[in-house]
Protein backbone atom coordinates (compact mmCIF):
# COMPACT_ATOMS: atom_id res chain seq x y z
CA MET A 1 -2.11 3.69 -5.75
CA GLY A 2 1.18 4.65 -6.41
CA VAL A 3 4.68 3.30 -5.60
CA TRP A 4 7.88 5.21 -5.92
CA ASP A 5 11.24 4.00 -6.28
CA GLY A 6 14.72 5.53 -6.98
CA ASP A 7 15.29 3.62 -10.07
CA TRP A 8 14.23 5.35 -13.17
CA ARG A 9 14.06 2.08 -15.38
CA VAL A 10 10.39 1.29 -16.25
CA PRO A 11 9.38 -2.55 -15.67
CA SER A 12 7.96 -3.96 -18.67
CA GLY A 13 4.87 -4.59 -17.31
CA PHE A 14 4.18 -0.81 -17.21
CA ARG A 15 6.00 -0.05 -20.58
CA GLU A 16 3.72 1.81 -23.26
CA GLY A 17 0.48 0.07 -21.46
CA LYS A 18 1.60 -3.57 -22.66
CA PRO A 19 2.28 -6.40 -20.18
CA GLY A 20 5.51 -7.97 -19.84
CA ASP A 21 6.43 -11.69 -20.32
CA VAL A 22 4.68 -13.83 -17.48
CA PRO A 23 7.52 -15.71 -15.55
CA PRO A 24 7.67 -19.41 -15.62
CA GLY A 25 5.44 -21.46 -13.36
CA ASP A 26 8.47 -22.13 -11.13
CA ALA A 27 10.12 -18.69 -10.75
CA GLU A 28 10.14 -17.11 -7.34
CA GLY A 29 9.16 -13.55 -8.35
CA GLY A 30 7.81 -11.33 -11.02
CA ARG A 31 4.26 -11.62 -10.64
CA GLY A 32 3.51 -8.60 -8.96
CA LEU A 33 2.88 -6.35 -11.98
CA HIS A 34 0.81 -8.99 -13.66
CA LEU A 35 -1.63 -9.34 -10.58
CA VAL A 36 -1.87 -5.56 -10.44
CA ARG A 37 -2.55 -5.28 -14.15
CA ALA A 38 -5.31 -7.95 -13.91
CA CYS A 39 -6.96 -6.21 -11.24
CA ALA A 40 -6.45 -2.45 -12.36
CA ASP A 41 -8.82 -0.83 -14.70
CA ALA A 42 -5.85 1.56 -15.60
CA VAL A 43 -1.91 1.67 -14.99
CA GLY A 44 0.71 4.04 -15.65
CA VAL A 45 4.32 5.53 -15.03
CA SER A 46 5.93 8.73 -14.30
CA VAL A 47 9.85 8.83 -14.79
CA LEU A 48 11.00 11.50 -12.61
CA ARG A 49 14.00 13.04 -13.90
CA GLU A 50 14.28 16.62 -12.48
CA LEU A 51 16.01 16.07 -9.20
CA GLY A 52 15.28 19.64 -7.91
CA ALA A 53 11.45 18.92 -7.91
CA SER A 54 11.85 15.16 -6.50
CA ARG A 55 14.43 12.63 -5.83
CA GLY A 56 14.23 10.94 -9.29
CA GLY A 57 13.38 7.45 -9.90
CA LYS A 58 9.86 6.45 -10.88
CA LEU A 59 6.24 6.62 -9.77
CA LEU A 60 4.13 3.45 -11.13
CA TRP A 61 0.54 3.87 -10.40
CA ALA A 62 -2.91 1.84 -10.75
CA GLU A 63 -6.30 2.94 -10.59
CA CYS A 64 -8.86 0.13 -9.38
CA ARG A 65 -12.48 1.45 -9.44
CA ARG A 66 -15.20 0.14 -6.97
CA ASP A 67 -17.93 -1.75 -8.96
CA ASP A 68 -20.62 0.45 -6.80
CA MET A 69 -18.83 3.59 -8.29
CA ALA A 70 -18.59 2.98 -11.61
CA GLY A 71 -19.89 5.68 -13.89
CA LYS A 72 -20.69 8.12 -10.93
CA ARG A 73 -19.02 11.59 -10.81
CA HIS A 74 -17.80 12.83 -7.44
C-alpha cells in the first residue's frame, strides 16, 4: 500500500529503515507508523521533488505479504 502527501519531509519512522521514538502512553497521536512497521514486511519512502513529473511531496509505502503466499512467485 502507499500513501502520498504534499510535504517532502520524511517522518522519523521511515528514515533509513529505522523506527522513530515511540510516543508516550498518554499522547493523542504518533502511533500510526509504529503500527504499520510492526505489521509490514517492508517499508520505504520516495521523495518526489520533480514537480514536472508529480505534485511533489513524498510517497510512503508498506508491503504486507499474506502468509499463504510467502515464498510463491506470481
